N, C-alpha and C. Protein backbone atom coordinates (compact mmCIF):
# COMPACT_ATOMS: atom_id res chain seq x y z
N MET A 1 96.76 115.65 118.38
CA MET A 1 95.31 115.05 117.93
C MET A 1 96.12 113.63 117.10
N LYS A 2 95.83 112.30 117.67
CA LYS A 2 96.65 111.00 116.69
C LYS A 2 95.48 110.39 115.98
N THR A 3 95.98 110.37 114.76
CA THR A 3 94.61 110.02 113.84
C THR A 3 94.83 108.74 113.09
N VAL A 4 94.51 107.89 113.22
CA VAL A 4 94.49 106.23 112.39
C VAL A 4 93.45 106.70 111.17
N ILE A 5 94.09 106.09 110.11
CA ILE A 5 92.99 105.31 109.31
C ILE A 5 93.08 103.98 108.50
N LEU A 6 91.99 103.67 108.94
CA LEU A 6 92.18 102.27 108.84
C LEU A 6 91.37 102.25 107.70
N ALA A 7 92.11 100.61 106.75
CA ALA A 7 91.64 100.70 105.56
C ALA A 7 91.55 98.81 105.68
N ASN A 8 90.24 99.04 104.74
CA ASN A 8 89.53 97.73 104.49
C ASN A 8 90.29 96.46 104.26
N GLY A 9 91.34 95.77 104.75
CA GLY A 9 91.63 95.15 104.25
C GLY A 9 91.92 94.03 105.71
N GLU A 10 93.28 93.43 105.65
CA GLU A 10 93.12 92.37 107.13
C GLU A 10 93.16 93.32 108.42
N PHE A 11 92.36 93.60 109.44
CA PHE A 11 92.42 93.84 110.60
C PHE A 11 93.21 93.88 111.37
N PRO A 12 94.17 94.22 111.65
CA PRO A 12 95.04 94.38 112.89
C PRO A 12 95.13 92.80 113.97
N LYS A 13 95.82 92.59 114.13
CA LYS A 13 96.06 91.32 115.26
C LYS A 13 97.24 91.69 116.14
N ALA A 14 98.31 92.45 115.77
CA ALA A 14 99.18 92.47 116.95
C ALA A 14 99.17 93.46 117.78
N LYS A 15 99.85 93.54 118.42
CA LYS A 15 100.35 94.29 119.67
C LYS A 15 100.52 95.28 119.19
N THR A 16 101.37 96.32 118.17
CA THR A 16 101.53 97.17 117.73
C THR A 16 100.60 98.32 117.21
N PRO A 17 100.18 96.92 115.80
CA PRO A 17 99.10 98.40 115.11
C PRO A 17 97.95 98.30 116.12
N LEU A 18 97.18 97.68 117.13
CA LEU A 18 96.18 97.83 117.76
C LEU A 18 96.47 98.25 119.12
N GLU A 19 97.63 98.47 119.35
CA GLU A 19 97.81 99.61 120.72
C GLU A 19 97.92 101.04 119.90
N ILE A 20 98.02 101.25 117.94
CA ILE A 20 98.31 102.70 117.53
C ILE A 20 96.71 102.68 117.12
N LEU A 21 95.57 101.77 117.02
CA LEU A 21 94.57 102.02 117.09
C LEU A 21 93.83 102.18 118.15
N LYS A 22 93.96 101.57 119.50
CA LYS A 22 93.22 102.08 120.50
C LYS A 22 93.65 103.56 120.87
N SER A 23 94.87 103.40 120.95
CA SER A 23 94.85 104.86 121.26
C SER A 23 95.30 106.10 121.24
N ALA A 24 94.32 106.05 119.23
CA ALA A 24 93.57 106.79 118.78
C ALA A 24 92.82 107.89 119.05
N ASP A 25 93.28 109.42 118.55
CA ASP A 25 91.76 110.32 119.00
C ASP A 25 90.69 110.51 118.31
N LYS A 26 91.21 110.15 116.50
CA LYS A 26 90.57 109.96 115.43
C LYS A 26 90.65 108.81 114.84
N ILE A 27 89.13 108.32 114.47
CA ILE A 27 89.66 107.03 113.74
C ILE A 27 89.43 107.29 111.87
N ILE A 28 89.46 107.50 110.81
CA ILE A 28 89.36 107.55 110.14
C ILE A 28 89.10 105.93 108.56
N CYS A 29 87.36 105.68 109.19
CA CYS A 29 87.49 104.49 108.24
C CYS A 29 87.38 104.09 106.62
N CYS A 30 87.56 103.29 105.62
CA CYS A 30 87.18 103.51 104.89
C CYS A 30 86.78 102.30 104.45
N ASP A 31 85.01 102.51 104.18
CA ASP A 31 84.03 101.94 103.81
C ASP A 31 83.44 101.00 104.83
N GLY A 32 83.79 99.33 104.52
CA GLY A 32 83.57 98.56 104.79
C GLY A 32 84.49 98.60 106.29
N ALA A 33 85.75 98.68 105.81
CA ALA A 33 86.67 98.30 107.51
C ALA A 33 85.85 98.44 108.90
N VAL A 34 84.69 99.81 108.29
CA VAL A 34 83.96 100.79 109.75
C VAL A 34 83.87 99.27 110.49
N ASN A 35 83.38 97.78 109.42
CA ASN A 35 82.26 96.84 110.10
C ASN A 35 83.45 96.07 111.18
N ASN A 36 84.95 95.54 111.07
CA ASN A 36 85.48 95.25 111.81
C ASN A 36 85.74 96.46 113.06
N LEU A 37 86.12 97.86 112.64
CA LEU A 37 86.46 98.20 114.00
C LEU A 37 84.93 98.06 115.01
N LEU A 38 83.80 98.06 114.61
CA LEU A 38 82.64 97.94 115.72
C LEU A 38 83.00 96.77 115.93
N ASP A 39 83.08 95.38 114.92
CA ASP A 39 82.76 94.29 115.91
C ASP A 39 84.53 94.74 117.01
N PHE A 40 85.64 95.35 116.84
CA PHE A 40 86.70 95.32 117.92
C PHE A 40 85.66 95.95 118.91
N GLY A 41 85.01 96.32 118.76
CA GLY A 41 84.55 97.67 120.19
C GLY A 41 84.88 99.18 120.20
N LEU A 42 85.58 99.64 118.91
CA LEU A 42 85.59 100.49 118.82
C LEU A 42 85.26 101.47 117.63
N GLU A 43 84.57 102.62 117.98
CA GLU A 43 83.73 103.55 117.32
C GLU A 43 84.25 104.58 116.48
N PRO A 44 83.87 104.50 114.93
CA PRO A 44 84.51 105.46 114.37
C PRO A 44 84.51 106.49 114.02
N SER A 45 85.59 107.79 113.55
CA SER A 45 85.32 109.94 113.40
C SER A 45 84.77 109.83 112.61
N LEU A 46 84.48 108.82 111.51
CA LEU A 46 84.69 109.71 109.97
C LEU A 46 84.63 108.14 109.65
N ILE A 47 83.43 108.00 108.44
CA ILE A 47 82.86 106.90 107.36
C ILE A 47 83.61 107.41 106.13
N ILE A 48 84.32 106.74 105.33
CA ILE A 48 84.08 107.61 104.00
C ILE A 48 84.81 106.37 102.74
N GLY A 49 83.92 106.89 101.46
CA GLY A 49 84.82 106.13 100.87
C GLY A 49 83.07 105.98 99.66
N ASP A 50 83.31 104.96 98.88
CA ASP A 50 81.72 105.11 98.13
C ASP A 50 80.51 104.08 99.13
N LEU A 51 81.30 103.90 99.95
CA LEU A 51 80.72 102.80 101.06
C LEU A 51 79.07 101.97 100.24
N ASP A 52 79.91 100.89 99.03
CA ASP A 52 79.52 100.32 98.59
C ASP A 52 79.34 98.56 100.04
N SER A 53 80.51 98.77 101.04
CA SER A 53 80.89 98.05 101.59
C SER A 53 79.80 97.78 103.41
N VAL A 54 78.85 99.13 103.55
CA VAL A 54 77.87 99.40 104.62
C VAL A 54 76.51 99.45 104.27
N SER A 55 76.78 99.01 105.62
CA SER A 55 75.33 98.32 105.08
C SER A 55 73.75 99.29 105.47
N LYS A 56 72.79 99.81 105.44
CA LYS A 56 72.52 100.81 105.71
C LYS A 56 72.14 101.55 106.95
N THR A 57 71.95 100.02 107.76
CA THR A 57 72.17 100.71 109.17
C THR A 57 72.56 101.26 109.75
N ILE A 58 73.86 100.99 109.66
CA ILE A 58 75.54 101.14 109.56
C ILE A 58 75.33 103.04 109.66
N LYS A 59 75.30 103.04 108.39
CA LYS A 59 74.81 104.37 106.90
C LYS A 59 73.72 105.46 108.29
N GLN A 60 72.87 104.55 108.72
CA GLN A 60 72.19 105.67 109.44
C GLN A 60 72.45 105.74 110.34
N LYS A 61 72.86 105.21 111.15
CA LYS A 61 73.33 105.40 112.95
C LYS A 61 75.00 106.67 112.26
N TYR A 62 75.04 106.45 111.29
CA TYR A 62 76.21 107.00 112.05
C TYR A 62 76.52 108.55 110.09
N GLN A 63 75.23 108.53 110.26
CA GLN A 63 74.56 109.90 109.27
C GLN A 63 75.50 110.81 109.12
N ASN A 64 76.11 111.42 110.52
CA ASN A 64 76.56 112.44 110.96
C ASN A 64 78.06 112.40 110.82
N ILE A 65 78.77 111.29 109.99
CA ILE A 65 80.10 111.26 110.34
C ILE A 65 80.37 110.09 108.51
N VAL A 66 79.28 110.46 107.99
CA VAL A 66 79.44 109.36 106.93
C VAL A 66 79.67 110.60 105.67
N ASN A 67 80.48 110.12 104.41
CA ASN A 67 81.38 111.58 103.58
C ASN A 67 81.82 110.45 102.16
N GLN A 68 80.06 109.88 101.59
CA GLN A 68 80.24 109.32 100.79
C GLN A 68 81.00 109.74 99.34
N VAL A 69 81.56 109.14 98.94
CA VAL A 69 82.87 109.84 98.01
C VAL A 69 82.95 108.73 96.94
N LYS A 70 81.77 108.90 95.31
CA LYS A 70 80.77 108.12 94.73
C LYS A 70 82.38 107.88 93.28
N GLU A 71 83.06 109.18 92.98
CA GLU A 71 84.07 109.14 91.95
C GLU A 71 85.28 107.54 92.05
N GLN A 72 85.01 107.42 91.52
CA GLN A 72 85.56 105.96 91.52
C GLN A 72 87.24 106.18 90.63
N ASN A 73 88.10 107.47 90.54
CA ASN A 73 88.83 107.59 90.15
C ASN A 73 90.50 107.58 91.09
N THR A 74 90.08 107.25 92.00
CA THR A 74 90.80 107.37 93.10
C THR A 74 90.05 106.07 94.52
N ASN A 75 91.12 105.35 95.19
CA ASN A 75 89.91 103.97 95.63
C ASN A 75 90.23 104.66 97.28
N ASP A 76 89.24 103.72 98.10
CA ASP A 76 89.05 104.27 99.18
C ASP A 76 89.98 105.16 100.70
N LEU A 77 91.34 104.48 99.69
CA LEU A 77 92.29 104.59 101.03
C LEU A 77 92.51 106.37 100.05
N THR A 78 92.96 106.79 98.98
CA THR A 78 93.16 108.60 98.91
C THR A 78 92.20 109.01 99.19
N LYS A 79 90.99 108.56 98.79
CA LYS A 79 89.63 109.66 99.58
C LYS A 79 89.62 110.10 101.33
N ALA A 80 90.37 108.74 102.38
CA ALA A 80 90.50 109.20 103.11
C ALA A 80 91.52 110.26 103.49
N VAL A 81 92.92 109.54 102.89
CA VAL A 81 94.22 110.44 102.52
C VAL A 81 93.92 112.15 102.27
N ASN A 82 93.24 112.30 101.07
CA ASN A 82 92.96 113.50 101.09
C ASN A 82 91.66 114.61 101.65
N TRP A 83 90.71 113.53 102.22
CA TRP A 83 90.30 113.89 103.75
C TRP A 83 91.16 114.59 104.73
N CYS A 84 91.44 114.32 104.88
CA CYS A 84 92.69 114.18 106.09
C CYS A 84 93.52 115.77 105.62
N VAL A 85 93.76 115.57 104.46
CA VAL A 85 94.96 116.94 103.89
C VAL A 85 93.92 118.35 104.12
N GLU A 86 92.42 117.93 103.21
CA GLU A 86 91.93 119.31 103.49
C GLU A 86 91.35 119.71 104.31
N ASN A 87 91.49 118.47 105.90
CA ASN A 87 91.30 119.39 107.33
C ASN A 87 92.27 119.61 108.05
N ASN A 88 93.62 119.01 106.71
CA ASN A 88 94.91 119.84 107.66
C ASN A 88 95.19 118.83 108.87
N ILE A 89 94.76 117.30 108.03
CA ILE A 89 95.58 116.49 109.74
C ILE A 89 96.61 116.07 108.41
N LEU A 90 97.19 116.87 109.30
CA LEU A 90 98.69 115.80 108.19
C LEU A 90 100.20 115.05 108.74
N GLU A 91 99.73 114.54 110.33
CA GLU A 91 100.08 113.16 110.12
C GLU A 91 98.85 112.36 110.90
N PHE A 92 99.18 110.93 110.24
CA PHE A 92 99.02 109.92 110.59
C PHE A 92 98.81 108.45 109.90
N ASP A 93 98.79 107.23 110.62
CA ASP A 93 99.30 105.94 110.10
C ASP A 93 98.06 104.89 109.91
N ILE A 94 98.22 104.60 108.87
CA ILE A 94 97.51 103.45 108.08
C ILE A 94 97.56 102.62 108.42
N LEU A 95 96.41 102.19 108.60
CA LEU A 95 96.63 100.42 109.57
C LEU A 95 95.06 99.68 108.35
N GLY A 96 95.32 98.47 108.59
CA GLY A 96 94.85 97.69 106.89
C GLY A 96 95.12 97.56 105.94
N ALA A 97 95.95 98.22 105.52
CA ALA A 97 96.20 98.75 104.76
C ALA A 97 96.92 96.94 104.23
N THR A 98 97.02 96.49 104.46
CA THR A 98 97.12 94.71 103.47
C THR A 98 96.59 93.86 103.91
N GLY A 99 97.07 92.50 103.37
CA GLY A 99 96.42 92.28 103.34
C GLY A 99 94.89 91.57 102.81
N LYS A 100 94.39 90.35 102.20
CA LYS A 100 93.31 90.05 101.59
C LYS A 100 93.63 89.92 100.26
N ARG A 101 94.22 90.88 99.49
CA ARG A 101 94.00 90.60 98.34
C ARG A 101 95.55 91.48 98.08
N GLU A 102 96.30 90.79 97.53
CA GLU A 102 97.60 91.29 96.98
C GLU A 102 97.84 92.48 96.34
N ASP A 103 97.25 91.99 95.14
CA ASP A 103 96.99 93.27 94.48
C ASP A 103 96.66 95.16 95.38
N HIS A 104 95.71 94.53 95.54
CA HIS A 104 95.64 95.67 96.56
C HIS A 104 96.52 96.33 97.40
N SER A 105 97.12 95.41 98.48
CA SER A 105 98.30 95.48 99.17
C SER A 105 99.39 96.54 98.34
N ILE A 106 99.89 96.31 97.23
CA ILE A 106 100.89 96.36 96.71
C ILE A 106 100.44 98.03 96.20
N ALA A 107 99.14 98.01 95.88
CA ALA A 107 98.82 99.10 95.02
C ALA A 107 98.99 100.52 96.74
N ASN A 108 98.42 99.68 97.52
CA ASN A 108 97.95 100.76 98.38
C ASN A 108 99.48 100.91 99.12
N ILE A 109 100.37 99.69 98.91
CA ILE A 109 102.07 100.47 99.62
C ILE A 109 102.83 101.43 99.01
N SER A 110 102.33 101.11 97.28
CA SER A 110 102.91 102.20 96.27
C SER A 110 102.56 103.77 96.70
N LEU A 111 101.23 103.84 96.58
CA LEU A 111 100.21 104.97 97.42
C LEU A 111 101.34 105.82 97.91
N LEU A 112 101.85 104.74 98.73
CA LEU A 112 102.66 106.21 99.91
C LEU A 112 103.41 107.42 99.13
N SER A 113 104.06 107.18 97.99
CA SER A 113 104.87 107.79 97.81
C SER A 113 104.12 109.17 96.98
N GLN A 114 102.78 109.33 97.07
CA GLN A 114 102.17 110.04 96.37
C GLN A 114 102.00 110.49 97.84
N TYR A 115 101.05 110.25 98.76
CA TYR A 115 101.00 110.12 100.12
C TYR A 115 101.60 111.37 100.49
N MET A 116 103.26 110.91 100.84
CA MET A 116 104.01 111.86 101.25
C MET A 116 104.43 112.90 100.43
N ASN A 117 103.56 113.51 99.70
CA ASN A 117 103.97 114.81 99.13
C ASN A 117 103.49 115.04 99.58
N LYS A 118 101.85 114.64 100.63
CA LYS A 118 101.42 116.06 101.26
C LYS A 118 101.04 115.92 103.34
N ALA A 119 101.41 114.46 103.18
CA ALA A 119 101.01 114.40 104.96
C ALA A 119 102.51 113.67 105.52
N ASN A 120 102.54 113.30 106.68
CA ASN A 120 103.73 112.38 107.07
C ASN A 120 102.84 111.44 107.69
N VAL A 121 102.70 110.43 106.59
CA VAL A 121 102.16 109.38 106.80
C VAL A 121 102.88 107.51 107.40
N ARG A 122 102.93 106.78 107.29
CA ARG A 122 102.95 105.72 107.44
C ARG A 122 101.71 104.40 107.39
N ILE A 123 102.65 102.97 106.71
CA ILE A 123 101.47 101.88 106.60
C ILE A 123 102.29 100.71 108.15
N VAL A 124 101.62 100.95 109.03
CA VAL A 124 102.01 99.90 110.23
C VAL A 124 100.84 98.37 109.96
N SER A 125 101.64 97.50 109.20
CA SER A 125 101.23 96.58 109.71
C SER A 125 101.05 95.21 110.86
N ASP A 126 100.68 94.45 110.90
CA ASP A 126 101.04 93.22 111.85
C ASP A 126 102.16 93.00 111.93
N TYR A 127 103.48 93.01 110.66
CA TYR A 127 104.71 92.07 110.72
C TYR A 127 105.61 93.12 110.86
N GLY A 128 105.33 94.77 110.07
CA GLY A 128 105.88 95.88 110.44
C GLY A 128 105.98 96.97 110.19
N VAL A 129 106.55 98.25 109.66
CA VAL A 129 106.07 99.33 108.31
C VAL A 129 107.50 99.45 107.45
N PHE A 130 106.44 100.17 106.95
CA PHE A 130 106.13 101.06 105.48
C PHE A 130 106.62 102.76 105.74
N ILE A 131 107.74 102.98 105.90
CA ILE A 131 107.96 104.62 105.54
C ILE A 131 108.42 104.93 104.20
N PRO A 132 107.68 106.00 103.97
CA PRO A 132 108.56 106.92 102.76
C PRO A 132 109.51 107.87 102.89
N ILE A 133 109.65 108.56 101.91
CA ILE A 133 111.54 108.89 102.42
C ILE A 133 111.79 109.56 101.30
N LYS A 134 111.90 110.46 100.66
CA LYS A 134 112.29 111.88 100.31
C LYS A 134 112.90 112.55 100.03
N LYS A 135 114.64 111.99 100.94
CA LYS A 135 115.37 112.57 101.53
C LYS A 135 116.13 111.93 101.97
N THR A 136 117.74 112.27 102.33
CA THR A 136 117.96 111.39 103.23
C THR A 136 117.92 111.79 105.27
N THR A 137 117.87 110.62 105.44
CA THR A 137 116.50 109.89 106.20
C THR A 137 117.66 109.34 107.42
N SER A 138 118.11 109.04 108.67
CA SER A 138 118.36 108.45 109.66
C SER A 138 117.05 107.39 110.28
N PHE A 139 117.81 106.12 110.06
CA PHE A 139 115.95 105.43 111.26
C PHE A 139 116.68 105.00 112.70
N ASN A 140 115.90 105.01 113.66
CA ASN A 140 116.45 104.40 114.72
C ASN A 140 116.15 103.11 114.80
N SER A 141 117.11 101.76 115.21
CA SER A 141 116.77 100.16 114.07
C SER A 141 116.81 99.77 115.78
N TYR A 142 117.34 97.96 115.62
CA TYR A 142 118.12 97.35 116.47
C TYR A 142 119.12 96.44 115.82
N ILE A 143 119.81 96.30 116.23
CA ILE A 143 120.83 95.14 115.72
C ILE A 143 119.76 93.92 115.26
N GLY A 144 120.53 93.95 113.25
CA GLY A 144 119.39 92.16 113.58
C GLY A 144 118.20 92.55 112.56
N GLN A 145 117.69 94.01 112.60
CA GLN A 145 116.54 94.12 112.23
C GLN A 145 116.70 94.20 110.89
N GLN A 146 115.46 93.29 109.88
CA GLN A 146 115.76 93.21 108.70
C GLN A 146 114.52 94.71 107.97
N VAL A 147 115.41 95.36 107.35
CA VAL A 147 115.72 96.12 106.09
C VAL A 147 115.65 95.69 104.90
N SER A 148 114.15 96.25 103.93
CA SER A 148 113.84 96.66 103.07
C SER A 148 113.63 97.68 101.57
N ILE A 149 114.29 98.02 100.80
CA ILE A 149 114.40 99.87 100.63
C ILE A 149 113.66 99.27 98.94
N PHE A 150 112.82 99.46 98.89
CA PHE A 150 112.17 99.76 98.04
C PHE A 150 112.25 101.67 97.11
N ALA A 151 112.39 101.08 95.77
CA ALA A 151 112.73 102.39 94.89
C ALA A 151 111.81 103.13 94.09
N MET A 152 110.87 104.14 94.66
CA MET A 152 110.03 104.27 93.90
C MET A 152 110.74 104.94 92.47
N THR A 153 111.40 106.03 92.39
CA THR A 153 112.27 106.15 91.42
C THR A 153 113.14 105.71 90.75
N PRO A 154 113.76 104.70 90.12
CA PRO A 154 115.40 103.88 89.97
C PRO A 154 115.41 104.24 89.33
N ASN A 155 116.24 105.13 88.59
CA ASN A 155 117.45 105.58 87.86
C ASN A 155 117.51 106.90 89.51
N SER A 156 117.67 106.85 91.14
CA SER A 156 118.15 107.36 91.51
C SER A 156 119.12 106.64 92.12
N LYS A 157 120.03 106.62 92.69
CA LYS A 157 121.09 106.56 93.85
C LYS A 157 121.63 106.73 95.14
N ILE A 158 121.36 105.32 95.51
CA ILE A 158 121.22 105.54 97.10
C ILE A 158 122.27 104.65 97.84
N THR A 159 122.99 105.60 98.95
CA THR A 159 123.73 105.24 99.08
C THR A 159 123.27 104.23 101.17
N SER A 160 123.97 103.76 101.51
CA SER A 160 123.78 103.40 102.99
C SER A 160 124.89 102.97 103.91
N ILE A 161 124.16 103.35 105.23
CA ILE A 161 125.15 103.52 106.27
C ILE A 161 124.64 102.54 107.71
N GLY A 162 125.86 101.54 108.10
CA GLY A 162 125.60 100.92 109.01
C GLY A 162 124.13 99.61 108.43
N LEU A 163 124.21 99.71 107.09
CA LEU A 163 123.52 97.89 107.56
C LEU A 163 124.73 97.13 106.89
N LYS A 164 123.89 95.29 106.65
CA LYS A 164 124.83 94.79 106.41
C LYS A 164 125.21 94.32 105.42
N TYR A 165 124.17 94.96 104.20
CA TYR A 165 124.96 95.05 102.91
C TYR A 165 124.74 96.22 102.15
N PRO A 166 125.89 96.31 101.78
CA PRO A 166 125.81 98.05 101.78
C PRO A 166 125.38 98.37 100.49
N LEU A 167 124.72 99.90 100.62
CA LEU A 167 124.38 100.39 99.00
C LEU A 167 125.38 101.61 98.52
N GLU A 168 126.18 101.59 97.81
CA GLU A 168 127.44 102.58 97.68
C GLU A 168 126.79 103.07 96.40
N ASN A 169 126.01 104.69 96.63
CA ASN A 169 124.93 105.37 95.10
C ASN A 169 125.22 103.90 94.21
N THR A 170 124.37 103.43 94.55
CA THR A 170 123.49 102.10 93.86
C THR A 170 122.06 102.02 93.57
N LYS A 171 122.08 101.89 91.97
CA LYS A 171 120.63 102.35 91.55
C LYS A 171 119.84 100.76 91.93
N LEU A 172 118.83 100.88 92.37
CA LEU A 172 117.33 99.80 92.53
C LEU A 172 116.50 99.52 91.09
N GLU A 173 116.54 99.07 90.30
CA GLU A 173 116.38 98.88 89.38
C GLU A 173 115.04 98.18 89.22
N ASN A 174 114.91 96.82 90.19
CA ASN A 174 114.76 95.92 90.86
C ASN A 174 113.06 95.54 91.89
N TRP A 175 112.43 95.17 91.71
CA TRP A 175 112.07 96.03 93.83
C TRP A 175 112.84 94.97 94.34
N TRP A 176 112.97 94.02 94.01
CA TRP A 176 113.44 93.16 95.37
C TRP A 176 115.41 93.78 95.30
N SER A 177 115.57 94.87 94.43
CA SER A 177 117.05 94.86 94.74
C SER A 177 117.07 95.21 95.99
N GLY A 178 116.79 96.01 96.27
CA GLY A 178 117.40 96.46 98.20
C GLY A 178 116.19 95.77 99.11
N THR A 179 116.33 94.86 98.83
CA THR A 179 115.31 93.77 99.69
C THR A 179 116.64 92.72 100.68
N LEU A 180 115.71 92.50 102.05
CA LEU A 180 116.70 91.47 102.58
C LEU A 180 117.95 91.65 103.32
N ASN A 181 117.58 93.76 103.78
CA ASN A 181 118.89 93.84 104.24
C ASN A 181 118.47 93.86 106.22
N GLU A 182 120.31 93.66 106.26
CA GLU A 182 119.94 94.33 108.11
C GLU A 182 120.66 95.06 108.77
N ALA A 183 120.19 95.65 110.10
CA ALA A 183 120.25 96.89 110.49
C ALA A 183 121.48 95.80 111.30
N LEU A 184 122.69 97.51 111.38
CA LEU A 184 123.75 96.40 112.79
C LEU A 184 124.25 96.66 113.85
N SER A 185 122.97 98.10 113.66
CA SER A 185 123.01 98.79 115.15
C SER A 185 121.86 98.71 115.27
N ASN A 186 122.09 100.01 116.70
CA ASN A 186 120.76 101.02 116.67
C ASN A 186 120.57 101.79 116.10
N LYS A 187 120.58 101.96 114.67
CA LYS A 187 120.34 103.30 113.99
C LYS A 187 121.50 102.85 112.40
N PHE A 188 120.22 103.58 111.55
CA PHE A 188 121.34 103.92 110.21
C PHE A 188 120.62 104.74 109.18
N SER A 189 121.88 105.06 108.26
CA SER A 189 121.38 105.93 107.64
C SER A 189 120.70 105.30 105.64
N LEU A 190 119.89 106.72 105.20
CA LEU A 190 120.19 106.55 103.57
C LEU A 190 120.24 107.56 102.92
N GLU A 191 121.53 107.91 102.62
CA GLU A 191 121.47 108.83 101.65
C GLU A 191 120.86 109.15 99.89
N PHE A 192 120.11 109.83 99.25
CA PHE A 192 120.18 110.14 98.43
C PHE A 192 120.31 112.16 98.04
N ASN A 193 120.47 111.67 96.65
CA ASN A 193 120.11 113.51 96.30
C ASN A 193 118.85 113.70 95.69
N ASP A 194 118.07 113.04 95.10
CA ASP A 194 117.03 112.94 94.76
C ASP A 194 115.75 111.28 94.30
N GLY A 195 114.79 111.59 93.75
CA GLY A 195 114.29 110.41 93.72
C GLY A 195 113.42 110.28 94.86
N SER A 196 112.54 108.79 95.51
CA SER A 196 111.70 108.56 95.97
C SER A 196 111.70 106.55 96.65
N TYR A 197 111.44 106.91 98.13
CA TYR A 197 112.01 105.24 98.58
C TYR A 197 110.76 105.07 99.44
N ILE A 198 110.49 103.22 99.63
CA ILE A 198 109.38 102.94 99.87
C ILE A 198 110.84 102.03 101.64
N VAL A 199 110.38 102.82 102.88
CA VAL A 199 111.26 101.66 103.49
C VAL A 199 110.70 100.88 104.42
N TYR A 200 110.76 99.59 104.12
CA TYR A 200 109.90 98.54 105.64
C TYR A 200 110.75 98.22 106.57
N LEU A 201 110.66 97.97 107.47
CA LEU A 201 111.25 97.75 108.70
C LEU A 201 110.42 96.58 108.97
N LEU A 202 110.83 95.87 109.78
CA LEU A 202 110.47 94.22 110.10
C LEU A 202 110.10 94.48 111.66
N SER A 203 109.15 93.93 112.60
CA SER A 203 108.78 94.64 113.48
C SER A 203 109.75 93.96 114.58
């Protein structure tokens, strides 16, 4: 079963995320994201969050699939991820996690470093995909694909194979340090012994 979490950022417009959304077996909406989903013509499987952006009409119509979580220690996206894990859904894509507000986008992307300890997860935007990794990983790619690497544990060291600007046991001490690289073939790999990273692949 293919599961998508739809966050309340910019609703997808590009072909890839829209195809993911339309082919999903289960769509979990974070709070007000349900408004955009309904406007698009699709139905939610679950609506979760503090529900401050959901109308009474929608709450009543979908009362059987509404899960109101009032605590404010986590954002609605994390509430949705936790629900998935608690219900043994351990693989899903997140859409709508970027756009509108840059601070929300940065927070949602950074949260991947926590989510990956619970599930196989990625964020797909209109422009590319963010993939968290915590072990040596190979990626399918194409010649010239733009690649950026963000260290979530700056003291760790990483080595790349198959990128235009090679990393050799390198510490990525700043957010920009591993950005704007490029794949040289249809595959590249990142090798490291500890730490965690978020890899961005431009579509």
